[in-house]
PDB file of N, CA and C in Angstrom:
ATOM      1  N   MET A   1     107.288  99.427  98.616  1.00  0.00           N
ATOM      2  CA  MET A   1     105.955  99.356  99.161  1.00  0.00           C
ATOM      3  C   MET A   1     105.607 100.714  99.747  1.00  0.00           C
ATOM      4  N   SER A   2     104.443 101.250  99.374  1.00  0.00           N
ATOM      5  CA  SER A   2     104.053 102.542  99.914  1.00  0.00           C
ATOM      6  C   SER A   2     102.559 102.539 100.178  1.00  0.00           C
ATOM      7  N   GLY A   3     102.094 103.556 100.872  1.00  0.00           N
ATOM      8  CA  GLY A   3     100.674 103.674 101.166  1.00  0.00           C
ATOM      9  C   GLY A   3     100.446 103.943 102.630  1.00  0.00           C
ATOM     10  N   ASN A   4      99.206 104.232 102.940  1.00  0.00           N
ATOM     11  CA  ASN A   4      98.829 104.513 104.318  1.00  0.00           C
ATOM     12  C   ASN A   4      97.868 103.451 104.808  1.00  0.00           C
ATOM     13  N   VAL A   5      97.928 103.184 106.081  1.00  0.00           N
ATOM     14  CA  VAL A   5      97.009 102.255 106.716  1.00  0.00           C
ATOM     15  C   VAL A   5      96.122 103.081 107.634  1.00  0.00           C
ATOM     16  N   ALA A   6      94.818 103.096 107.361  1.00  0.00           N
ATOM     17  CA  ALA A   6      93.900 103.923 108.131  1.00  0.00           C
ATOM     18  C   ALA A   6      93.338 103.207 109.358  1.00  0.00           C
ATOM     19  N   GLN A   7      93.346 101.876 109.336  1.00  0.00           N
ATOM     20  CA  GLN A   7      92.736 101.105 110.411  1.00  0.00           C
ATOM     21  C   GLN A   7      93.690 100.026 110.909  1.00  0.00           C
ATOM     22  N   PRO A   8      93.641  99.718 112.210  1.00  0.00           N
ATOM     23  CA  PRO A   8      94.429  98.608 112.722  1.00  0.00           C
ATOM     24  C   PRO A   8      93.990  97.294 112.080  1.00  0.00           C
ATOM     25  N   GLY A   9      94.878  96.330 112.077  1.00  0.00           N
ATOM     26  CA  GLY A   9      94.541  95.025 111.526  1.00  0.00           C
ATOM     27  C   GLY A   9      95.773  94.326 110.991  1.00  0.00           C
ATOM     28  N   THR A  10      95.556  93.189 110.371  1.00  0.00           N
ATOM     29  CA  THR A  10      96.632  92.417 109.760  1.00  0.00           C
ATOM     30  C   THR A  10      96.544  92.582 108.254  1.00  0.00           C
ATOM     31  N   TYR A  11      97.626  93.007 107.672  1.00  0.00           N
ATOM     32  CA  TYR A  11      97.698  93.251 106.236  1.00  0.00           C
ATOM     33  C   TYR A  11      98.734  92.320 105.620  1.00  0.00           C
ATOM     34  N   LYS A  12      98.366  91.730 104.499  1.00  0.00           N
ATOM     35  CA  LYS A  12      99.266  90.790 103.823  1.00  0.00           C
ATOM     36  C   LYS A  12      99.579  91.301 102.426  1.00  0.00           C
ATOM     37  N   GLY A  13     100.753  90.971 101.965  1.00  0.00           N
ATOM     38  CA  GLY A  13     101.177  91.372 100.628  1.00  0.00           C
ATOM     39  C   GLY A  13     102.337  90.506 100.182  1.00  0.00           C
ATOM     40  N   GLY A  14     102.930  90.912  99.099  1.00  0.00           N
ATOM     41  CA  GLY A  14     104.061  90.180  98.576  1.00  0.00           C
ATOM     42  C   GLY A  14     105.091  91.138  98.025  1.00  0.00           C
ATOM     43  N   VAL A  15     106.349  90.738  98.098  1.00  0.00           N
ATOM     44  CA  VAL A  15     107.446  91.515  97.553  1.00  0.00           C
ATOM     45  C   VAL A  15     108.015  90.728  96.381  1.00  0.00           C
ATOM     46  N   THR A  16     108.042  91.374  95.223  1.00  0.00           N
ATOM     47  CA  THR A  16     108.613  90.745  94.039  1.00  0.00           C
ATOM     48  C   THR A  16     110.052  91.208  93.900  1.00  0.00           C
ATOM     49  N   ILE A  17     110.924  90.265  93.679  1.00  0.00           N
ATOM     50  CA  ILE A  17     112.344  90.573  93.570  1.00  0.00           C
ATOM     51  C   ILE A  17     112.745  90.481  92.102  1.00  0.00           C
ATOM     52  N   LYS A  18     113.281  91.590  91.601  1.00  0.00           N
ATOM     53  CA  LYS A  18     113.737  91.621  90.220  1.00  0.00           C
ATOM     54  C   LYS A  18     115.176  91.111  90.203  1.00  0.00           C
ATOM     55  N   GLU A  19     115.420  90.187  89.318  1.00  0.00           N
ATOM     56  CA  GLU A  19     116.761  89.595  89.259  1.00  0.00           C
ATOM     57  C   GLU A  19     117.310  89.686  87.842  1.00  0.00           C
ATOM     58  N   ASN A  20     118.602  89.568  87.749  1.00  0.00           N
ATOM     59  CA  ASN A  20     119.277  89.588  86.462  1.00  0.00           C
ATOM     60  C   ASN A  20     120.037  88.275  86.297  1.00  0.00           C
ATOM     61  N   THR A  21     119.305  87.188  86.494  1.00  0.00           N
ATOM     62  CA  THR A  21     119.901  85.855  86.373  1.00  0.00           C
ATOM     63  C   THR A  21     118.935  84.986  85.578  1.00  0.00           C
ATOM     64  N   PRO A  22     119.378  83.827  85.158  1.00  0.00           N
ATOM     65  CA  PRO A  22     118.460  82.923  84.470  1.00  0.00           C
ATOM     66  C   PRO A  22     117.496  82.219  85.427  1.00  0.00           C
ATOM     67  N   TYR A  23     117.636  82.463  86.707  1.00  0.00           N
ATOM     68  CA  TYR A  23     116.823  81.780  87.707  1.00  0.00           C
ATOM     69  C   TYR A  23     115.658  82.667  88.152  1.00  0.00           C
ATOM     70  N   THR A  24     114.537  82.047  88.424  1.00  0.00           N
ATOM     71  CA  THR A  24     113.364  82.770  88.895  1.00  0.00           C
ATOM     72  C   THR A  24     113.389  82.834  90.415  1.00  0.00           C
ATOM     73  N   VAL A  25     113.103  84.008  90.921  1.00  0.00           N
ATOM     74  CA  VAL A  25     113.019  84.196  92.366  1.00  0.00           C
ATOM     75  C   VAL A  25     111.548  84.385  92.709  1.00  0.00           C
ATOM     76  N   PRO A  26     110.974  83.475  93.512  1.00  0.00           N
ATOM     77  CA  PRO A  26     109.541  83.598  93.828  1.00  0.00           C
ATOM     78  C   PRO A  26     109.284  84.819  94.717  1.00  0.00           C
ATOM     79  N   PRO A  27     108.071  85.363  94.650  1.00  0.00           N
ATOM     80  CA  PRO A  27     107.733  86.490  95.533  1.00  0.00           C
ATOM     81  C   PRO A  27     107.845  86.077  97.002  1.00  0.00           C
ATOM     82  N   VAL A  28     108.105  87.053  97.834  1.00  0.00           N
ATOM     83  CA  VAL A  28     108.224  86.824  99.276  1.00  0.00           C
ATOM     84  C   VAL A  28     106.950  87.345  99.937  1.00  0.00           C
ATOM     85  N   ASP A  29     106.251  86.468 100.664  1.00  0.00           N
ATOM     86  CA  ASP A  29     105.049  86.882 101.388  1.00  0.00           C
ATOM     87  C   ASP A  29     105.447  87.722 102.599  1.00  0.00           C
ATOM     88  N   VAL A  30     104.696  88.807 102.826  1.00  0.00           N
ATOM     89  CA  VAL A  30     104.941  89.657 103.990  1.00  0.00           C
ATOM     90  C   VAL A  30     103.625  89.897 104.717  1.00  0.00           C
ATOM     91  N   THR A  31     103.720  90.062 106.027  1.00  0.00           N
ATOM     92  CA  THR A  31     102.566  90.365 106.860  1.00  0.00           C
ATOM     93  C   THR A  31     102.912  91.547 107.755  1.00  0.00           C
ATOM     94  N   MET A  32     101.998  92.509 107.824  1.00  0.00           N
ATOM     95  CA  MET A  32     102.180  93.655 108.707  1.00  0.00           C
ATOM     96  C   MET A  32     101.002  93.676 109.676  1.00  0.00           C
ATOM     97  N   ILE A  33     101.305  93.783 110.950  1.00  0.00           N
ATOM     98  CA  ILE A  33     100.261  93.908 111.968  1.00  0.00           C
ATOM     99  C   ILE A  33     100.287  95.344 112.470  1.00  0.00           C
ATOM    100  N   ALA A  34      99.179  96.065 112.234  1.00  0.00           N
ATOM    101  CA  ALA A  34      99.058  97.454 112.681  1.00  0.00           C
ATOM    102  C   ALA A  34      98.193  97.473 113.938  1.00  0.00           C
ATOM    103  N   ASN A  35      98.810  97.800 115.056  1.00  0.00           N
ATOM    104  CA  ASN A  35      98.080  97.877 116.327  1.00  0.00           C
ATOM    105  C   ASN A  35      97.455  99.256 116.486  1.00  0.00           C
ATOM    106  N   PRO A  36      96.298  99.338 117.138  1.00  0.00           N
ATOM    107  CA  PRO A  36      95.661 100.645 117.327  1.00  0.00           C
ATOM    108  C   PRO A  36      96.417 101.479 118.360  1.00  0.00           C
ATOM    109  N   PRO A  37      96.384 102.805 118.212  1.00  0.00           N
ATOM    110  CA  PRO A  37      96.930 103.656 119.269  1.00  0.00           C
ATOM    111  C   PRO A  37      96.168 103.418 120.577  1.00  0.00           C
ATOM    112  N   LYS A  38      96.799 103.706 121.694  1.00  0.00           N
ATOM    113  CA  LYS A  38      96.200 103.429 123.008  1.00  0.00           C
ATOM    114  C   LYS A  38      94.881 104.161 123.252  1.00  0.00           C
ATOM    115  N   SER A  39      94.671 105.294 122.591  1.00  0.00           N
ATOM    116  CA  SER A  39      93.440 106.064 122.828  1.00  0.00           C
ATOM    117  C   SER A  39      92.282 105.622 121.932  1.00  0.00           C
ATOM    118  N   TRP A  40      92.504 104.621 121.092  1.00  0.00           N
ATOM    119  CA  TRP A  40      91.466 104.165 120.173  1.00  0.00           C
ATOM    120  C   TRP A  40      90.670 103.009 120.756  1.00  0.00           C
ATOM    121  N   GLY A  41      89.407 102.922 120.346  1.00  0.00           N
ATOM    122  CA  GLY A  41      88.543 101.800 120.679  1.00  0.00           C
ATOM    123  C   GLY A  41      87.809 101.367 119.420  1.00  0.00           C
ATOM    124  N   LYS A  42      87.314 100.154 119.435  1.00  0.00           N
ATOM    125  CA  LYS A  42      86.620  99.620 118.264  1.00  0.00           C
ATOM    126  C   LYS A  42      85.114  99.804 118.429  1.00  0.00           C
ATOM    127  N   LEU A  43      84.493 100.385 117.400  1.00  0.00           N
ATOM    128  CA  LEU A  43      83.039 100.524 117.340  1.00  0.00           C
ATOM    129  C   LEU A  43      82.542  99.462 116.375  1.00  0.00           C
ATOM    130  N   THR A  44      81.661  98.609 116.833  1.00  0.00           N
ATOM    131  CA  THR A  44      81.176  97.516 116.001  1.00  0.00           C
ATOM    132  C   THR A  44      79.728  97.213 116.331  1.00  0.00           C
ATOM    133  N   GLY A  45      79.085  96.486 115.454  1.00  0.00           N
ATOM    134  CA  GLY A  45      77.711  96.092 115.719  1.00  0.00           C
ATOM    135  C   GLY A  45      77.093  95.408 114.527  1.00  0.00           C
ATOM    136  N   LYS A  46      75.822  95.112 114.679  1.00  0.00           N
ATOM    137  CA  LYS A  46      75.067  94.427 113.639  1.00  0.00           C
ATOM    138  C   LYS A  46      73.752  95.164 113.429  1.00  0.00           C
ATOM    139  N   VAL A  47      73.371  95.306 112.153  1.00  0.00           N
ATOM    140  CA  VAL A  47      72.099  95.939 111.810  1.00  0.00           C
ATOM    141  C   VAL A  47      71.195  94.856 111.243  1.00  0.00           C
ATOM    142  N   THR A  48      70.052  94.685 111.894  1.00  0.00           N
ATOM    143  CA  THR A  48      69.068  93.710 111.440  1.00  0.00           C
ATOM    144  C   THR A  48      67.750  94.424 111.182  1.00  0.00           C
ATOM    145  N   GLY A  49      66.873  93.726 110.501  1.00  0.00           N
ATOM    146  CA  GLY A  49      65.545  94.251 110.254  1.00  0.00           C
ATOM    147  C   GLY A  49      64.516  93.210 110.621  1.00  0.00           C
ATOM    148  N   ALA A  50      63.436  93.659 111.245  1.00  0.00           N
ATOM    149  CA  ALA A  50      62.331  92.767 111.593  1.00  0.00           C
ATOM    150  C   ALA A  50      61.209  93.038 110.601  1.00  0.00           C
ATOM    151  N   SER A  51      60.895  92.054 109.768  1.00  0.00           N
ATOM    152  CA  SER A  51      59.853  92.219 108.753  1.00  0.00           C
ATOM    153  C   SER A  51      58.479  92.333 109.410  1.00  0.00           C
ATOM    154  N   CYS A  52      57.486  92.675 108.611  1.00  0.00           N
ATOM    155  CA  CYS A  52      56.107  92.779 109.112  1.00  0.00           C
ATOM    156  C   CYS A  52      55.604  91.433 109.627  1.00  0.00           C
ATOM    157  N   ALA A  53      56.180  90.346 109.117  1.00  0.00           N
ATOM    158  CA  ALA A  53      55.808  88.998 109.565  1.00  0.00           C
ATOM    159  C   ALA A  53      56.587  88.579 110.809  1.00  0.00           C
ATOM    160  N   GLY A  54      57.474  89.463 111.296  1.00  0.00           N
ATOM    161  CA  GLY A  54      58.234  89.159 112.501  1.00  0.00           C
ATOM    162  C   GLY A  54      59.529  88.409 112.272  1.00  0.00           C
ATOM    163  N   VAL A  55      59.926  88.247 111.026  1.00  0.00           N
ATOM    164  CA  VAL A  55      61.180  87.556 110.708  1.00  0.00           C
ATOM    165  C   VAL A  55      62.327  88.560 110.768  1.00  0.00           C
ATOM    166  N   THR A  56      63.371  88.228 111.531  1.00  0.00           N
ATOM    167  CA  THR A  56      64.538  89.098 111.668  1.00  0.00           C
ATOM    168  C   THR A  56      65.672  88.565 110.819  1.00  0.00           C
ATOM    169  N   ALA A  57      66.310  89.480 110.077  1.00  0.00           N
ATOM    170  CA  ALA A  57      67.432  89.102 109.211  1.00  0.00           C
ATOM    171  C   ALA A  57      68.424  90.266 109.141  1.00  0.00           C
ATOM    172  N   PRO A  58      69.711  89.965 108.864  1.00  0.00           N
ATOM    173  CA  PRO A  58      70.703  91.034 108.702  1.00  0.00           C
ATOM    174  C   PRO A  58      70.335  91.935 107.521  1.00  0.00           C
ATOM    175  N   ILE A  59      70.701  93.205 107.623  1.00  0.00           N
ATOM    176  CA  ILE A  59      70.485  94.147 106.518  1.00  0.00           C
ATOM    177  C   ILE A  59      71.836  94.459 105.879  1.00  0.00           C
ATOM    178  N   ASN A  60      71.999  94.014 104.656  1.00  0.00           N
ATOM    179  CA  ASN A  60      73.211  94.265 103.880  1.00  0.00           C
ATOM    180  C   ASN A  60      73.135  95.662 103.271  1.00  0.00           C
ATOM    181  N   GLY A  61      74.223  96.418 103.347  1.00  0.00           N
ATOM    182  CA  GLY A  61      74.279  97.727 102.701  1.00  0.00           C
ATOM    183  C   GLY A  61      73.608  98.852 103.463  1.00  0.00           C
ATOM    184  N   ALA A  62      73.293  98.653 104.736  1.00  0.00           N
ATOM    185  CA  ALA A  62      72.767  99.754 105.543  1.00  0.00           C
ATOM    186  C   ALA A  62      73.884 100.771 105.762  1.00  0.00           C
ATOM    187  N   THR A  63      73.527 102.039 105.818  1.00  0.00           N
ATOM    188  CA  THR A  63      74.494 103.098 106.082  1.00  0.00           C
ATOM    189  C   THR A  63      74.541 103.362 107.575  1.00  0.00           C
ATOM    190  N   VAL A  64      75.747 103.349 108.128  1.00  0.00           N
ATOM    191  CA  VAL A  64      75.965 103.675 109.535  1.00  0.00           C
ATOM    192  C   VAL A  64      76.774 104.968 109.540  1.00  0.00           C
ATOM    193  N   GLN A  65      76.100 106.074 109.843  1.00  0.00           N
ATOM    194  CA  GLN A  65      76.740 107.389 109.877  1.00  0.00           C
ATOM    195  C   GLN A  65      77.191 107.641 111.309  1.00  0.00           C
ATOM    196  N   VAL A  66      78.470 107.983 111.494  1.00  0.00           N
ATOM    197  CA  VAL A  66      79.028 108.247 112.820  1.00  0.00           C
ATOM    198  C   VAL A  66      79.545 109.680 112.823  1.00  0.00           C
ATOM    199  N   ASN A  67      78.968 110.507 113.690  1.00  0.00           N
ATOM    200  CA  ASN A  67      79.350 111.918 113.776  1.00  0.00           C
ATOM    201  C   ASN A  67      79.889 112.234 115.163  1.00  0.00           C
ATOM    202  N   SER A  68      80.892 113.101 115.213  1.00  0.00           N
ATOM    203  CA  SER A  68      81.422 113.588 116.481  1.00  0.00           C
ATOM    204  C   SER A  68      81.759 115.060 116.318  1.00  0.00           C
ATOM    205  N   TRP A  69      82.251 115.664 117.368  1.00  0.00           N
ATOM    206  CA  TRP A  69      82.637 117.066 117.308  1.00  0.00           C
ATOM    207  C   TRP A  69      83.805 117.259 116.345  1.00  0.00           C
ATOM    208  N   ALA A  70      84.596 116.214 116.113  1.00  0.00           N
ATOM    209  CA  ALA A  70      85.819 116.346 115.324  1.00  0.00           C
ATOM    210  C   ALA A  70      85.727 115.781 113.913  1.00  0.00           C
ATOM    211  N   SER A  71      84.855 114.811 113.697  1.00  0.00           N
ATOM    212  CA  SER A  71      84.842 114.165 112.385  1.00  0.00           C
ATOM    213  C   SER A  71      83.497 113.511 112.109  1.00  0.00           C
ATOM    214  N   SER A  72      83.382 113.035 110.881  1.00  0.00           N
ATOM    215  CA  SER A  72      82.181 112.339 110.450  1.00  0.00           C
ATOM    216  C   SER A  72      82.611 111.240 109.494  1.00  0.00           C
ATOM    217  N   LEU A  73      81.992 110.072 109.620  1.00  0.00           N
ATOM    218  CA  LEU A  73      82.320 108.992 108.688  1.00  0.00           C
ATOM    219  C   LEU A  73      81.085 108.170 108.407  1.00  0.00           C
ATOM    220  N   SER A  74      81.077 107.559 107.230  1.00  0.00           N
ATOM    221  CA  SER A  74      79.975 106.687 106.818  1.00  0.00           C
ATOM    222  C   SER A  74      80.509 105.288 106.604  1.00  0.00           C
ATOM    223  N   LEU A  75      79.842 104.333 107.219  1.00  0.00           N
ATOM    224  CA  LEU A  75      80.192 102.925 107.063  1.00  0.00           C
ATOM    225  C   LEU A  75      79.037 102.217 106.385  1.00  0.00           C
ATOM    226  N   SER A  76      79.308 101.062 105.814  1.00  0.00           N
ATOM    227  CA  SER A  76      78.270 100.240 105.190  1.00  0.00           C
ATOM    228  C   SER A  76      78.321  98.853 105.816  1.00  0.00           C
ATOM    229  N   THR A  77      77.159  98.268 106.054  1.00  0.00           N
ATOM    230  CA  THR A  77      77.139  96.917 106.608  1.00  0.00           C
ATOM    231  C   THR A  77      77.429  95.892 105.514  1.00  0.00           C
ATOM    232  N   ASP A  78      78.003  94.758 105.932  1.00  0.00           N
ATOM    233  CA  ASP A  78      78.290  93.671 104.994  1.00  0.00           C
ATOM    234  C   ASP A  78      77.086  92.741 104.880  1.00  0.00           C
ATOM    235  N   ALA A  79      77.252  91.623 104.211  1.00  0.00           N
ATOM    236  CA  ALA A  79      76.144  90.679 103.977  1.00  0.00           C
ATOM    237  C   ALA A  79      75.563  90.137 105.284  1.00  0.00           C
ATOM    238  N   GLN A  80      76.349  90.133 106.350  1.00  0.00           N
ATOM    239  CA  GLN A  80      75.869  89.655 107.652  1.00  0.00           C
ATOM    240  C   GLN A  80      75.320  90.801 108.505  1.00  0.00           C
ATOM    241  N   GLY A  81      75.248  92.010 107.918  1.00  0.00           N
ATOM    242  CA  GLY A  81      74.738  93.166 108.655  1.00  0.00           C
ATOM    243  C   GLY A  81      75.759  93.779 109.599  1.00  0.00           C
ATOM    244  N   GLN A  82      77.006  93.363 109.506  1.00  0.00           N
ATOM    245  CA  GLN A  82      78.054  93.807 110.433  1.00  0.00           C
ATOM    246  C   GLN A  82      78.749  95.075 109.940  1.00  0.00           C
ATOM    247  N   TYR A  83      79.204  95.872 110.894  1.00  0.00           N
ATOM    248  CA  TYR A  83      80.068  97.016 110.604  1.00  0.00           C
ATOM    249  C   TYR A  83      81.104  97.101 111.715  1.00  0.00           C
ATOM    250  N   ALA A  84      82.250  97.711 111.441  1.00  0.00           N
ATOM    251  CA  ALA A  84      83.290  97.881 112.459  1.00  0.00           C
ATOM    252  C   ALA A  84      84.246  98.982 112.013  1.00  0.00           C
ATOM    253  N   TYR A  85      84.733  99.749 112.989  1.00  0.00           N
ATOM    254  CA  TYR A  85      85.690 100.809 112.695  1.00  0.00           C
ATOM    255  C   TYR A  85      86.369 101.206 114.003  1.00  0.00           C
ATOM    256  N   TRP A  86      87.670 101.448 113.949  1.00  0.00           N
ATOM    257  CA  TRP A  86      88.414 101.925 115.106  1.00  0.00           C
ATOM    258  C   TRP A  86      88.370 103.453 115.131  1.00  0.00           C
ATOM    259  N   ILE A  87      88.089 104.020 116.319  1.00  0.00           N
ATOM    260  CA  ILE A  87      87.946 105.468 116.468  1.00  0.00           C
ATOM    261  C   ILE A  87      88.655 105.916 117.746  1.00  0.00           C
ATOM    262  N   ASP A  88      89.236 107.083 117.690  1.00  0.00           N
ATOM    263  CA  ASP A  88      89.880 107.677 118.865  1.00  0.00           C
ATOM    264  C   ASP A  88      88.801 108.084 119.869  1.00  0.00           C
ATOM    265  N   ARG A  89      88.966 107.711 121.117  1.00  0.00           N
ATOM    266  CA  ARG A  89      87.971 108.021 122.149  1.00  0.00           C
ATOM    267  C   ARG A  89      87.811 109.518 122.364  1.00  0.00           C
ATOM    268  N   ARG A  90      88.800 110.292 121.926  1.00  0.00           N
ATOM    269  CA  ARG A  90      88.701 111.741 122.070  1.00  0.00           C
ATOM    270  C   ARG A  90      87.605 112.328 121.184  1.00  0.00           C
ATOM    271  N   ASN A  91      87.011 111.500 120.310  1.00  0.00           N
ATOM    272  CA  ASN A  91      85.875 111.934 119.486  1.00  0.00           C
ATOM    273  C   ASN A  91      84.553 111.868 120.257  1.00  0.00           C
ATOM    274  N   ASN A  92      84.547 111.306 121.464  1.00  0.00           N
ATOM    275  CA  ASN A  92      83.319 111.187 122.253  1.00  0.00           C
ATOM    276  C   ASN A  92      82.685 112.538 122.517  1.00  0.00           C
ATOM    277  N   PRO A  93      81.361 112.571 122.608  1.00  0.00           N
ATOM    278  CA  PRO A  93      80.393 111.512 122.339  1.00  0.00           C
ATOM    279  C   PRO A  93      80.125 111.395 120.836  1.00  0.00           C
ATOM    280  N   LEU A  94      79.667 110.228 120.426  1.00  0.00           N
ATOM    281  CA  LEU A  94      79.334 109.974 119.030  1.00  0.00           C
ATOM    282  C   LEU A  94      77.819 109.999 118.864  1.00  0.00           C
ATOM    283  N   THR A  95      77.376 110.482 117.720  1.00  0.00           N
ATOM    284  CA  THR A  95      75.979 110.364 117.330  1.00  0.00           C
ATOM    285  C   THR A  95      75.944 109.414 116.150  1.00  0.00           C
ATOM    286  N   MET A  96      75.133 108.369 116.254  1.00  0.00           N
ATOM    287  CA  MET A  96      75.042 107.362 115.203  1.00  0.00           C
ATOM    288  C   MET A  96      73.663 107.407 114.556  1.00  0.00           C
ATOM    289  N   ILE A  97      73.656 107.354 113.236  1.00  0.00           N
ATOM    290  CA  ILE A  97      72.411 107.286 112.473  1.00  0.00           C
ATOM    291  C   ILE A  97      72.523 106.080 111.553  1.00  0.00           C
ATOM    292  N   VAL A  98      71.562 105.165 111.645  1.00  0.00           N
ATOM    293  CA  VAL A  98      71.552 103.970 110.793  1.00  0.00           C
ATOM    294  C   VAL A  98      70.329 104.039 109.900  1.00  0.00           C
ATOM    295  N   ALA A  99      70.550 103.848 108.592  1.00  0.00           N
ATOM    296  CA  ALA A  99      69.443 103.972 107.639  1.00  0.00           C
ATOM    297  C   ALA A  99      69.629 103.021 106.465  1.00  0.00           C
ATOM    298  N   LYS A 100      68.497 102.649 105.869  1.00  0.00           N
ATOM    299  CA  LYS A 100      68.464 101.842 104.648  1.00  0.00           C
ATOM    300  C   LYS A 100      67.102 102.079 104.016  1.00  0.00           C
ATOM    301  N   ASP A 101      67.070 102.237 102.684  1.00  0.00           N
ATOM    302  CA  ASP A 101      65.795 102.437 102.001  1.00  0.00           C
ATOM    303  C   ASP A 101      64.810 101.337 102.370  1.00  0.00           C
ATOM    304  N   GLY A 102      63.570 101.732 102.668  1.00  0.00           N
ATOM    305  CA  GLY A 102      62.527 100.784 103.032  1.00  0.00           C
ATOM    306  C   GLY A 102      62.463 100.491 104.521  1.00  0.00           C
ATOM    307  N   TRP A 103      63.380 101.076 105.300  1.00  0.00           N
ATOM    308  CA  TRP A 103      63.437 100.849 106.749  1.00  0.00           C
ATOM    309  C   TRP A 103      63.434 102.193 107.471  1.00  0.00           C
ATOM    310  N   GLN A 104      62.853 102.225 108.675  1.00  0.00           N
ATOM    311  CA  GLN A 104      62.843 103.441 109.484  1.00  0.00           C
ATOM    312  C   GLN A 104      64.237 103.639 110.066  1.00  0.00           C
ATOM    313  N   PRO A 105      64.845 104.810 109.886  1.00  0.00           N
ATOM    314  CA  PRO A 105      66.185 105.045 110.444  1.00  0.00           C
ATOM    315  C   PRO A 105      66.147 105.130 111.969  1.00  0.00           C
ATOM    316  N   GLN A 106      67.296 104.899 112.576  1.00  0.00           N
ATOM    317  CA  GLN A 106      67.436 105.018 114.029  1.00  0.00           C
ATOM    318  C   GLN A 106      68.632 105.903 114.339  1.00  0.00           C
ATOM    319  N   THR A 107      68.535 106.619 115.445  1.00  0.00           N
ATOM    320  CA  THR A 107      69.623 107.487 115.913  1.00  0.00           C
ATOM    321  C   THR A 107      69.882 107.168 117.372  1.00  0.00           C
ATOM    322  N   ARG A 108      71.150 107.203 117.762  1.00  0.00           N
ATOM    323  CA  ARG A 108      71.496 107.035 119.175  1.00  0.00           C
ATOM    324  C   ARG A 108      72.869 107.620 119.455  1.00  0.00           C
ATOM    325  N   LYS A 109      73.141 107.832 120.717  1.00  0.00           N
ATOM    326  CA  LYS A 109      74.444 108.301 121.182  1.00  0.00           C
ATOM    327  C   LYS A 109      75.278 107.079 121.568  1.00  0.00           C
ATOM    328  N   ALA A 110      76.588 107.189 121.384  1.00  0.00           N
ATOM    329  CA  ALA A 110      77.511 106.117 121.771  1.00  0.00           C
ATOM    330  C   ALA A 110      78.782 106.745 122.312  1.00  0.00           C
ATOM    331  N   LYS A 111      79.533 105.947 123.052  1.00  0.00           N
ATOM    332  CA  LYS A 111      80.781 106.418 123.640  1.00  0.00           C
ATOM    333  C   LYS A 111      81.846 105.342 123.462  1.00  0.00           C
ATOM    334  N   ILE A 112      82.997 105.730 122.941  1.00  0.00           N
ATOM    335  CA  ILE A 112      84.117 104.823 122.721  1.00  0.00           C
ATOM    336  C   ILE A 112      84.947 104.707 123.991  1.00  0.00           C
ATOM    337  N   THR A 113      85.386 103.501 124.308  1.00  0.00           N
ATOM    338  CA  THR A 113      86.282 103.243 125.427  1.00  0.00           C
ATOM    339  C   THR A 113      87.659 102.917 124.860  1.00  0.00           C
ATOM    340  N   ALA A 114      88.679 103.630 125.309  1.00  0.00           N
ATOM    341  CA  ALA A 114      90.036 103.383 124.835  1.00  0.00           C
ATOM    342  C   ALA A 114      90.441 101.943 125.113  1.00  0.00           C
ATOM    343  N   GLY A 115      90.931 101.259 124.084  1.00  0.00           N
ATOM    344  CA  GLY A 115      91.386  99.879 124.228  1.00  0.00           C
ATOM    345  C   GLY A 115      90.271  98.861 124.299  1.00  0.00           C
ATOM    346  N   GLY A 116      89.033  99.308 124.223  1.00  0.00           N
ATOM    347  CA  GLY A 116      87.903  98.394 124.343  1.00  0.00           C
ATOM    348  C   GLY A 116      87.081  98.323 123.073  1.00  0.00           C
ATOM    349  N   THR A 117      86.002  97.567 123.167  1.00  0.00           N
ATOM    350  CA  THR A 117      85.075  97.415 122.050  1.00  0.00           C
ATOM    351  C   THR A 117      83.705  97.909 122.486  1.00  0.00           C
ATOM    352  N   THR A 118      83.145  98.824 121.718  1.00  0.00           N
ATOM    353  CA  THR A 118      81.800  99.333 121.950  1.00  0.00           C
ATOM    354  C   THR A 118      80.886  98.673 120.923  1.00  0.00           C
ATOM    355  N   VAL A 119      79.886  97.933 121.383  1.00  0.00           N
ATOM    356  CA  VAL A 119      78.959  97.240 120.492  1.00  0.00           C
ATOM    357  C   VAL A 119      77.640  98.006 120.460  1.00  0.00           C
ATOM    358  N   GLU A 120      77.263  98.412 119.264  1.00  0.00           N
ATOM    359  CA  GLU A 120      75.992  99.114 119.057  1.00  0.00           C
ATOM    360  C   GLU A 120      75.221  98.373 117.968  1.00  0.00           C
ATOM    361  N   ASP A 121      74.285  97.524 118.391  1.00  0.00           N
ATOM    362  CA  ASP A 121      73.428  96.787 117.462  1.00  0.00           C
ATOM    363  C   ASP A 121      72.147  97.584 117.221  1.00  0.00           C
ATOM    364  N   PHE A 122      71.624  97.484 116.016  1.00  0.00           N
ATOM    365  CA  PHE A 122      70.392  98.177 115.640  1.00  0.00           C
ATOM    366  C   PHE A 122      69.420  97.189 115.023  1.00  0.00           C
ATOM    367  N   GLN A 123      68.139  97.315 115.361  1.00  0.00           N
ATOM    368  CA  GLN A 123      67.099  96.541 114.703  1.00  0.00           C
ATOM    369  C   GLN A 123      66.103  97.521 114.098  1.00  0.00           C
ATOM    370  N   LEU A 124      66.064  97.570 112.773  1.00  0.00           N
ATOM    371  CA  LEU A 124      65.197  98.489 112.061  1.00  0.00           C
ATOM    372  C   LEU A 124      63.839  97.844 111.782  1.00  0.00           C
ATOM    373  N   THR A 125      62.834  98.703 111.629  1.00  0.00           N
ATOM    374  CA  THR A 125      61.504  98.221 111.269  1.00  0.00           C
ATOM    375  C   THR A 125      61.155  98.779 109.887  1.00  0.00           C
ATOM    376  N   PRO A 126      60.327  98.050 109.145  1.00  0.00           N
ATOM    377  CA  PRO A 126      59.979  98.515 107.797  1.00  0.00           C
ATOM    378  C   PRO A 126      59.182  99.816 107.837  1.00  0.00           C
ATOM    379  N   THR A 127      59.321 100.617 106.769  1.00  0.00           N
ATOM    380  CA  THR A 127      58.551 101.858 106.702  1.00  0.00           C
ATOM    381  C   THR A 127      57.084 101.582 106.422  1.00  0.00           C
ATOM    382  N   ARG A 128      56.792 100.441 105.784  1.00  0.00           N
ATOM    383  CA  ARG A 128      55.396 100.056 105.501  1.00  0.00           C
ATOM    384  C   ARG A 128      55.216  98.564 105.727  1.00  0.00           C
ATOM    385  N   CYS A 129      54.021  98.217 106.180  1.00  0.00           N
ATOM    386  CA  CYS A 129      53.664  96.784 106.323  1.00  0.00           C
ATOM    387  C   CYS A 129      52.402  96.514 105.564  1.00  0.00           C
TER     388      CYS A 129
END
């Protein structure tokens, strides 16, 4: 088994055992729990859009750009408009830009707390009504 794990979380896999017998050996399930370093915090949130009719719904596929003095990363929201990523607090302060075609982008500053969760929700408005 090889590879790198970029984010904390629970990872599952299987180990196949090669044998030289007439008997079959089933794969062995394995679970790895990767804990975040102490200086990391979780950045998470939800991106929604308020239509011209006032209906609010999650925005799937919105780009969440996170910039700091040390790095830059782009995240995409899922079908529920959610995004999440663990970041070292030493990257503070963060500048966040959220955008999606047909919606007005938003920018804001954020700060990660070591061992904590920083929630940054965005509500976008349409570019035209």
